[in-house]
Protein backbone atom coordinates (compact mmCIF):
# COMPACT_ATOMS: atom_id res chain seq x y z
CA MET A 1 -22.00 0.22 11.46
CA ASN A 2 -20.31 2.52 8.96
CA ILE A 3 -16.83 1.59 7.73
CA LEU A 4 -14.91 4.12 5.66
CA VAL A 5 -12.05 2.52 3.72
CA ILE A 6 -9.48 5.06 2.53
CA GLY A 7 -6.53 4.71 0.18
CA ASN A 8 -3.96 7.15 -1.17
CA GLY A 9 -6.64 8.85 -3.27
CA PHE A 10 -8.06 10.18 0.00
CA ASP A 11 -4.85 12.08 0.73
CA LEU A 12 -4.64 13.25 -2.88
CA ALA A 13 -8.24 14.54 -2.70
CA HIS A 14 -7.07 16.71 0.18
CA GLU A 15 -4.26 18.04 -2.04
CA LEU A 16 -1.42 16.37 -0.18
CA PRO A 17 1.80 15.37 -2.02
CA THR A 18 1.55 11.63 -1.43
CA ARG A 19 2.03 10.39 -4.96
CA TYR A 20 4.89 8.02 -5.53
CA LYS A 21 6.51 10.59 -7.84
CA ASP A 22 6.14 13.31 -5.15
CA PHE A 23 8.24 11.19 -2.84
CA LEU A 24 10.91 10.65 -5.50
CA GLU A 25 11.09 14.40 -6.18
CA TRP A 26 11.74 14.90 -2.47
CA ILE A 27 14.45 12.21 -2.58
CA LYS A 28 16.18 14.04 -5.44
CA ALA A 29 15.98 17.30 -3.51
CA GLU A 30 17.55 15.57 -0.49
CA TYR A 31 20.39 14.33 -2.67
CA ALA A 32 21.02 17.90 -3.85
CA LEU A 33 20.91 19.15 -0.25
CA TYR A 34 23.44 16.51 0.78
CA PHE A 35 25.96 17.58 -1.83
CA GLU A 36 25.44 21.23 -1.02
CA ASP A 37 26.12 20.45 2.63
CA CYS A 38 29.28 18.58 1.69
CA ARG A 39 30.53 21.52 -0.37
CA ASN A 40 29.76 24.04 2.38
CA ARG A 41 31.77 22.02 4.88
CA SER A 42 34.56 21.38 2.34
CA VAL A 43 34.22 17.66 2.88
CA ALA A 44 36.82 15.79 0.84
CA SER A 45 35.33 13.42 -1.69
CA ASP A 46 37.27 10.49 -0.27
CA ALA A 47 36.16 11.25 3.30
CA VAL A 48 32.50 10.62 2.64
CA LYS A 49 31.47 7.93 0.22
CA VAL A 50 28.53 9.23 -1.78
CA ASP A 51 27.14 7.43 -4.80
CA TRP A 52 25.25 10.03 -6.76
CA PRO A 53 22.73 8.49 -9.19
CA ILE A 54 24.03 10.67 -12.02
CA LYS A 55 21.34 9.72 -14.55
CA ILE A 56 18.54 11.44 -12.64
CA SER A 57 17.15 14.83 -13.62
CA PRO A 58 17.17 17.77 -11.16
CA SER A 59 14.35 17.89 -8.62
CA LYS A 60 11.37 20.16 -9.23
CA ILE A 61 11.28 21.08 -5.56
CA THR A 62 13.71 22.36 -2.95
CA VAL A 63 13.94 21.34 0.67
CA LYS A 64 15.64 22.71 3.77
CA ALA A 65 17.63 20.66 6.21
CA ILE A 66 15.57 19.32 9.09
CA ASN A 67 16.40 20.93 12.43
CA ASN A 68 17.00 17.52 13.97
CA VAL A 69 20.54 16.67 12.85
CA ASN A 70 20.11 12.98 13.65
CA ILE A 71 17.02 12.72 11.45
CA GLN A 72 18.72 14.61 8.61
CA THR A 73 21.72 12.29 8.82
CA GLU A 74 19.41 9.29 8.86
CA ILE A 75 17.75 10.48 5.64
CA TRP A 76 21.09 10.65 3.86
CA GLU A 77 22.21 7.29 5.19
CA CYS A 78 18.99 5.70 3.95
CA ILE A 79 19.05 7.16 0.44
CA ASN A 80 22.77 6.93 -0.31
CA ASN A 81 23.63 3.94 -2.50
CA ASN A 82 20.16 2.47 -2.00
CA PHE A 83 19.40 -0.09 -4.71
CA TRP A 84 15.66 0.63 -4.86
CA ILE A 85 16.00 4.41 -4.90
CA ASP A 86 18.63 4.28 -7.64
CA TYR A 87 16.48 1.79 -9.55
CA PHE A 88 13.44 4.05 -9.68
CA LEU A 89 15.27 7.35 -10.09
CA ASN A 90 17.06 5.94 -13.12
CA ASN A 91 13.93 4.40 -14.64
CA SER A 92 11.55 7.31 -15.11
CA ARG A 93 9.08 5.13 -17.01
CA TYR A 94 8.20 3.53 -13.67
CA ILE A 95 7.35 6.87 -12.03
CA ASN A 96 3.55 6.75 -12.16
CA GLU A 97 0.73 7.88 -9.90
CA ASN A 98 0.23 4.85 -7.71
CA TRP A 99 2.24 3.10 -5.04
CA ILE A 100 1.10 -0.22 -6.50
CA ASP A 101 3.32 0.55 -9.49
CA PHE A 102 6.28 0.62 -7.12
CA GLU A 103 5.21 -2.62 -5.47
CA SER A 104 4.75 -4.24 -8.85
CA GLU A 105 8.30 -3.35 -9.87
CA VAL A 106 9.71 -4.66 -6.59
CA SER A 107 7.83 -7.88 -7.25
CA LYS A 108 9.35 -8.16 -10.73
CA VAL A 109 12.88 -7.84 -9.36
CA ILE A 110 12.27 -10.38 -6.58
CA GLN A 111 10.60 -12.83 -8.95
CA SER A 112 13.50 -12.51 -11.38
CA LEU A 113 15.98 -13.37 -8.63
CA ASP A 114 13.79 -16.27 -7.50
CA GLY A 115 13.65 -17.46 -11.11
CA ASP A 116 17.43 -17.22 -11.46
CA MET A 117 17.78 -19.54 -8.48
CA HIS A 118 15.66 -22.15 -10.26
CA GLY A 119 17.77 -22.13 -13.40
CA LEU A 120 16.50 -23.49 -16.71
CA ASN A 121 15.18 -26.78 -15.37
CA GLU A 122 14.33 -28.56 -12.12
CA ASN A 123 17.84 -30.02 -11.86
CA GLU A 124 19.46 -26.57 -11.67
CA ILE A 125 17.86 -25.29 -8.45
CA TYR A 126 20.36 -23.24 -6.43
CA ASN A 127 20.51 -22.51 -2.70
CA LEU A 128 20.79 -19.07 -1.16
CA ASP A 129 24.43 -19.72 -0.29
CA ASP A 130 25.31 -20.59 -3.89
CA LYS A 131 27.16 -18.05 -5.99
CA ILE A 132 25.20 -16.45 -8.80
CA ILE A 133 25.69 -17.74 -12.33
CA SER A 134 23.58 -15.19 -14.20
CA LEU A 135 20.94 -12.56 -13.49
CA SER A 136 17.89 -12.05 -15.70
CA ASN A 137 16.90 -8.60 -14.41
CA ASP A 138 18.69 -5.86 -16.38
CA TYR A 139 19.33 -3.58 -13.41
CA LEU A 140 20.54 -6.37 -11.14
CA ARG A 141 22.80 -7.61 -13.89
CA GLU A 142 24.24 -4.12 -14.34
CA LYS A 143 24.87 -3.78 -10.58
CA TYR A 144 26.53 -7.17 -10.27
CA SER A 145 27.91 -7.64 -13.77
CA GLU A 146 31.42 -8.43 -12.51
CA CYS A 147 30.01 -11.30 -10.47
CA THR A 148 28.24 -13.18 -13.25
CA LEU A 149 29.83 -16.32 -14.63
CA VAL A 150 30.37 -14.95 -18.15
CA VAL A 151 32.18 -11.80 -16.98
CA GLN A 152 34.25 -13.83 -14.51
CA GLN A 153 35.43 -16.12 -17.30
CA ILE A 154 36.30 -13.15 -19.53
CA ASN A 155 38.28 -11.50 -16.73
CA MET A 156 40.12 -14.73 -16.03
CA LEU A 157 41.07 -15.17 -19.68
CA SER A 158 42.13 -11.53 -20.04
CA GLY A 159 44.19 -11.62 -16.85
CA LYS A 160 42.27 -8.88 -15.08
CA GLY A 161 42.76 -10.43 -11.68
CA SER A 162 40.78 -12.71 -9.39
CA PRO A 163 37.11 -13.10 -10.26
CA LYS A 164 34.54 -11.44 -7.99
CA SER A 165 31.62 -13.48 -6.74
CA ILE A 166 28.46 -12.96 -4.74
CA THR A 167 25.81 -15.33 -3.40
CA PHE A 168 22.05 -15.18 -3.88
CA LYS A 169 21.71 -14.60 -0.13
CA GLU A 170 23.97 -11.54 -0.25
CA ILE A 171 21.87 -10.00 -3.01
CA ARG A 172 18.62 -10.94 -1.24
CA ASN A 173 19.84 -9.36 1.99
CA ARG A 174 20.98 -6.20 0.19
CA LEU A 175 17.57 -5.82 -1.45
CA LEU A 176 15.76 -6.36 1.86
CA ASN A 177 17.99 -3.98 3.84
CA ASP A 178 17.60 -1.28 1.18
CA LEU A 179 13.84 -1.78 1.12
CA ASN A 180 13.73 -1.25 4.88
CA LYS A 181 15.79 1.93 4.48
CA LEU A 182 13.41 3.12 1.77
CA ILE A 183 10.41 2.49 4.02
CA ARG A 184 12.05 4.42 6.87
CA VAL A 185 12.90 7.41 4.69
CA LEU A 186 9.33 7.36 3.37
CA GLU A 187 8.17 7.50 6.98
CA ILE A 188 10.33 10.57 7.58
CA TYR A 189 8.98 12.18 4.41
CA LEU A 190 5.38 11.65 5.49
CA ALA A 191 5.96 12.68 9.10
CA THR A 192 7.79 15.90 8.20
CA TYR A 193 7.31 17.16 4.65
CA VAL A 194 3.74 15.92 4.05
CA ASN A 195 2.45 16.78 7.51
CA GLU A 196 3.71 20.33 7.02
CA ALA A 197 2.24 20.67 3.52
CA LYS A 198 -0.92 22.67 2.91
CA HIS A 199 -4.11 20.64 2.54
CA SER A 200 -7.69 21.27 1.54
CA GLU A 201 -10.48 21.56 4.06
CA GLU A 202 -13.06 18.88 4.86
CA LEU A 203 -14.86 17.36 1.88
CA SER A 204 -18.65 17.27 1.80
CA VAL A 205 -18.68 13.79 0.24
CA ILE A 206 -16.82 12.46 3.29
CA LYS A 207 -18.79 14.39 5.91
CA ASP A 208 -22.07 13.08 4.44
CA ILE A 209 -21.00 9.57 5.44
CA PHE A 210 -21.04 10.24 9.16
CA GLU A 211 -23.28 13.28 9.58
CA LYS A 212 -27.04 13.13 10.11
CA LYS A 213 -28.85 16.25 8.93
CA ASP A 214 -32.35 17.63 9.16
CA GLU A 215 -34.36 18.94 6.21
CA GLN A 216 -32.68 22.34 6.52
CA GLY A 217 -29.24 20.76 6.26
CA ASN A 218 -28.29 21.24 9.89
CA VAL A 219 -26.18 18.51 11.51
CA THR A 220 -28.24 16.76 14.17
CA ALA A 221 -25.96 13.85 15.07
CA PHE A 222 -22.77 12.00 14.15
CA ILE A 223 -22.86 8.37 13.05
CA ASP A 224 -20.16 6.27 14.67
CA THR A 225 -17.87 5.38 11.76
CA LYS A 226 -14.92 3.03 11.70
CA ILE A 227 -11.97 4.08 9.55
CA LEU A 228 -9.90 1.44 7.77
CA SER A 229 -6.86 3.29 6.47
CA PHE A 230 -4.46 1.85 3.91
CA ASN A 231 -2.47 5.08 4.25
CA TYR A 232 0.44 5.77 6.57
CA THR A 233 -0.71 9.32 7.31
CA GLU A 234 -3.13 10.67 9.92
CA THR A 235 -4.96 12.82 7.37
CA PHE A 236 -8.48 11.87 8.46
CA LYS A 237 -7.75 12.52 12.12
CA ARG A 238 -5.94 15.81 11.40
CA ILE A 239 -8.60 17.28 9.11
CA TYR A 240 -11.91 15.90 10.38
CA LYS A 241 -10.96 15.85 14.07
CA HIS A 242 -13.41 13.10 15.04
CA ASN A 243 -12.42 10.51 17.58
CA PHE A 244 -13.50 7.60 15.39
CA ASP A 245 -11.83 4.22 15.70
CA ILE A 246 -9.05 4.07 13.08
CA ASP A 247 -7.29 0.90 11.95
CA TYR A 248 -3.98 1.62 10.19
CA ILE A 249 -3.79 -1.70 8.40
CA HIS A 250 -0.43 -0.88 6.78
CA GLY A 251 1.05 0.91 9.77
CA LYS A 252 1.44 4.60 10.58
CA ALA A 253 4.27 7.07 10.01
CA ASP A 254 5.98 8.23 13.19
CA ILE A 255 9.10 10.40 13.17
CA ASN A 256 10.17 8.88 16.51
CA ASN A 257 10.58 5.43 14.97
CA THR A 258 13.76 3.82 13.72
CA ILE A 259 14.31 1.29 10.96
CA ASP A 260 13.80 -1.42 13.57
CA THR A 261 10.64 0.00 15.16
CA ASN A 262 9.01 1.21 11.92
CA ASN A 263 5.71 -0.63 11.35
CA MET A 264 4.88 0.51 7.83
CA VAL A 265 4.00 -2.26 5.36
CA LEU A 266 5.36 -1.79 1.85
CA GLY A 267 5.74 -5.09 0.08
CA ILE A 268 4.55 -7.42 -2.61
CA ASP A 269 1.70 -9.83 -3.14
CA GLU A 270 2.10 -13.61 -3.07
CA TYR A 271 3.38 -14.74 -6.48
CA LEU A 272 4.19 -18.41 -5.85
CA PRO A 273 1.84 -21.24 -6.87
CA LYS A 274 0.05 -23.21 -4.15
CA LYS A 275 2.61 -26.02 -4.22
CA ARG A 276 5.47 -23.65 -3.40
CA LYS A 277 4.08 -20.79 -1.33
CA ASP A 278 4.02 -22.65 2.01
CA LYS A 279 7.40 -24.33 1.47
CA ASP A 280 9.52 -21.77 -0.34
CA ILE A 281 10.09 -18.93 2.12
CA LYS A 282 13.36 -17.47 0.83
CA PHE A 283 11.74 -14.15 -0.07
CA ILE A 284 8.88 -14.15 2.45
CA ALA A 285 10.10 -10.96 4.18
CA PHE A 286 9.20 -8.95 1.07
CA LYS A 287 5.55 -10.03 1.19
CA LYS A 288 2.77 -7.91 2.66
CA PHE A 289 1.09 -10.60 4.74
CA TYR A 290 4.41 -11.40 6.41
CA GLN A 291 5.15 -7.73 7.10
CA ARG A 292 1.71 -7.20 8.66
CA ILE A 293 2.36 -10.03 11.09
CA TYR A 294 6.04 -9.23 11.71
CA LYS A 295 5.43 -5.52 12.25
CA GLY A 296 2.23 -6.01 14.21
CA THR A 297 0.10 -3.60 12.20
CA GLY A 298 -3.59 -2.97 12.81
CA CYS A 299 -6.15 -5.74 12.62
CA LYS A 300 -9.11 -4.08 14.35
CA TYR A 301 -11.10 -4.57 11.16
CA LYS A 302 -11.29 -8.29 11.99
CA GLU A 303 -13.43 -7.42 15.01
CA TRP A 304 -15.69 -5.29 12.83
CA ILE A 305 -16.11 -8.16 10.38
CA ASP A 306 -16.88 -10.55 13.25
CA THR A 307 -19.70 -8.20 14.30
CA ILE A 308 -21.04 -8.10 10.75
CA LYS A 309 -20.96 -11.88 10.37
CA GLY A 310 -22.51 -12.32 13.82
CA ASP A 311 -25.43 -10.09 12.87
CA PHE A 312 -25.97 -12.06 9.68
CA ALA A 313 -25.95 -15.32 11.65
CA ASP A 314 -28.62 -13.83 13.94
CA TYR A 315 -30.64 -12.85 10.86
CA GLN A 316 -30.52 -16.38 9.49
CA THR A 317 -31.55 -17.80 12.87
CA GLU A 318 -34.53 -15.46 13.11
CA LEU A 319 -35.39 -16.17 9.49
CA GLU A 320 -35.59 -19.89 10.23
CA LYS A 321 -37.87 -19.17 13.17
CA SER A 322 -40.18 -17.14 10.93
CA LYS A 323 -40.82 -20.21 8.78
CA THR A 324 -42.80 -21.74 11.65
CA GLU A 325 -45.36 -18.95 11.30
CA LYS A 326 -48.39 -20.51 9.63
CA ASN A 327 -50.01 -17.26 8.62
CA THR A 328 -48.45 -16.29 5.27
CA MET A 329 -49.21 -12.61 5.71
CA ASN A 330 -47.62 -12.51 9.16
CA GLN A 331 -44.62 -14.38 7.81
CA LYS A 332 -44.04 -11.73 5.11
CA VAL A 333 -44.30 -8.96 7.67
CA ILE A 334 -41.77 -10.71 9.91
CA VAL A 335 -39.34 -11.32 7.02
CA ASN A 336 -39.53 -7.69 5.89
CA LYS A 337 -38.94 -6.55 9.45
CA LEU A 338 -35.90 -8.81 9.74
CA LYS A 339 -34.48 -7.48 6.47
CA LYS A 340 -34.79 -3.89 7.66
CA GLN A 341 -33.28 -4.78 11.00
CA TYR A 342 -30.34 -6.83 9.78
CA LEU A 343 -29.66 -6.31 6.06
CA ASN A 344 -29.44 -2.49 6.01
CA LYS A 345 -27.43 -2.17 9.16
CA HIS A 346 -23.85 -2.09 7.86
CA HIS A 347 -22.36 0.16 5.18
CA VAL A 348 -18.86 0.13 3.69
CA TYR A 349 -17.66 3.24 1.85
CA ILE A 350 -14.48 2.97 -0.22
CA PHE A 351 -12.77 6.24 -1.10
CA GLY A 352 -9.47 6.71 -2.91
CA HIS A 353 -8.60 3.02 -3.09
CA SER A 354 -7.79 1.35 -6.41
CA LEU A 355 -9.13 -2.05 -5.21
CA ASP A 356 -5.87 -3.64 -6.26
CA VAL A 357 -5.55 -7.40 -5.82
CA THR A 358 -2.64 -6.94 -3.37
CA ASP A 359 -5.31 -6.10 -0.76
CA LYS A 360 -7.65 -8.89 -1.84
CA ASP A 361 -7.87 -10.64 1.54
CA ILE A 362 -9.01 -7.50 3.37
CA LEU A 363 -11.36 -6.14 0.69
CA SER A 364 -13.12 -9.45 0.08
CA ASP A 365 -13.67 -9.91 3.83
CA LEU A 366 -15.55 -6.61 3.86
CA ILE A 367 -17.44 -6.77 0.58
CA LEU A 368 -18.53 -10.42 0.50
CA ASN A 369 -21.25 -10.11 3.14
CA ASP A 370 -24.93 -10.10 2.20
CA ASN A 371 -25.75 -7.73 5.07
CA VAL A 372 -23.23 -5.10 3.92
CA GLN A 373 -24.03 -2.34 1.44
CA THR A 374 -20.84 -1.17 -0.31
CA THR A 375 -20.41 2.22 -1.98
CA ILE A 376 -17.30 2.68 -4.10
CA PHE A 377 -16.42 6.26 -4.99
CA TYR A 378 -14.66 6.91 -8.28
CA HIS A 379 -12.93 9.99 -9.62
CA ASP A 380 -13.85 9.63 -13.30
CA LYS A 381 -14.99 6.99 -15.77
CA ASP A 382 -11.48 5.76 -16.47
CA ALA A 383 -10.88 5.26 -12.75
CA MET A 384 -14.22 3.46 -12.43
CA GLY A 385 -13.31 1.12 -15.26
CA GLN A 386 -10.03 0.24 -13.58
CA GLN A 387 -11.77 -0.30 -10.25
CA ILE A 388 -14.26 -2.68 -11.86
CA ALA A 389 -11.43 -4.61 -13.51
CA ASN A 390 -9.54 -4.80 -10.21
CA LEU A 391 -12.68 -5.87 -8.35
CA VAL A 392 -13.01 -8.85 -10.67
CA LYS A 393 -9.61 -10.02 -9.41
CA VAL A 394 -10.71 -9.45 -5.81
CA ILE A 395 -14.14 -11.14 -5.72
CA GLY A 396 -14.53 -12.75 -9.17
CA GLN A 397 -16.87 -12.03 -12.09
CA ASP A 398 -19.82 -14.02 -10.78
CA GLU A 399 -19.87 -12.28 -7.41
CA LEU A 400 -19.43 -8.87 -9.02
CA ILE A 401 -22.35 -9.45 -11.38
CA ARG A 402 -24.55 -10.77 -8.57
CA ARG A 403 -23.77 -7.88 -6.26
CA THR A 404 -24.19 -5.00 -8.73
CA GLY A 405 -27.74 -5.64 -9.92
CA GLY A 406 -31.18 -7.04 -9.09
CA ILE A 407 -32.45 -8.01 -5.67
CA THR A 408 -29.00 -9.28 -4.66
CA LYS A 409 -27.37 -5.88 -5.26
CA THR A 410 -24.98 -4.89 -2.48
CA ILE A 411 -22.41 -2.82 -4.44
CA GLU A 412 -22.84 0.56 -6.08
CA PHE A 413 -20.38 2.93 -7.73
CA LYS A 414 -20.73 6.64 -7.02
CA LEU A 415 -19.07 9.55 -8.84
CA GLN A 416 -17.26 12.01 -6.59
CA GLN A 417 -19.07 14.87 -8.29
CA ASP A 418 -19.88 16.65 -5.03
CA MET A 419 -16.30 16.47 -3.81
CA VAL A 420 -15.82 20.10 -2.83
CA PRO A 421 -14.12 21.53 0.26
CA ILE A 422 -16.26 22.68 3.16
CA VAL A 423 -15.85 26.41 3.77
CA ASN A 424 -16.01 27.24 7.46
């Protein structure tokens, strides 16, 4: 069995605008379009409440209004006064290449709020319904400055009216609702703007995975290949046009969805210690594992892994039987035959995935099998170094050392040096 694991680098290799910063540029362009629409219709400023994130720079791209008025309106409703969008548009230092940077920042905000609820010591633990005393995250504190205890006391002393207050639950719910809006508007971006963007043709490095060729280079057969996609796009299906089994582990973008029916997973990794993670569920809806279950995303890969593990169990059974062979020479022949039959049967190819620890459970399930050969493609030496570092977090140093050398080698890194488009 061949399993091709693809991450966002796969879409980028096909020249699609799926970087995190590409999405934010589109958001800025949509903001500009919204205000232009308001001006054209002479909409009074007090008739439509619009919170323009004034700190942001102009967008580098322009967009046209989508023909579907309902979808266009939905875009504006999702981006207007959205905490997460404002947060990232006003903090350009967070605009990097990878979506994991976004997830990491979301995690920092959530952890800060969780930490605020636990106060300075164990005796100061607050409930969700308790009013906030202080906020440690700078952006949260700026948003809700009038609700913190210090500002309330100052306002009371200066006679500026009744103090404003807000509970931890209200902030938590605002952050979750805005995250769901962000995910929906990302879905619209991918289903409209990205799907209409120009892309490169098929890549030889990908086709070589599932094509059998003769000595003259002619394709003689196609190898059945399973696709495990961490992307929300249908890039593989659109470009390569093979009817391979595809598991969209993080969901798939569909313009016909709504916020409620959207199944895209965009969340954070578990950050709580063992003693708390099964008991403290206040922020569980932000976590990836929860979203996968709640949204019912793909889990076909579990069946593929069951097949792999079943084959290895058969190998071990047959290996035990071979030990009853008294003839040493025959025993060696049998063992070698079993190795060829069982240990070179399954191949995992990882392309465009950073191997980040947020996907540890899935990646380790695939890689940590002695009857699986894993090839990890890397773009350049810097990328390879980061992948190695990330892989340590996924499978540990000892396993990585064991699987990258000697007779126990099951992992190899391969430079994408032949990554050129196929010219038809």
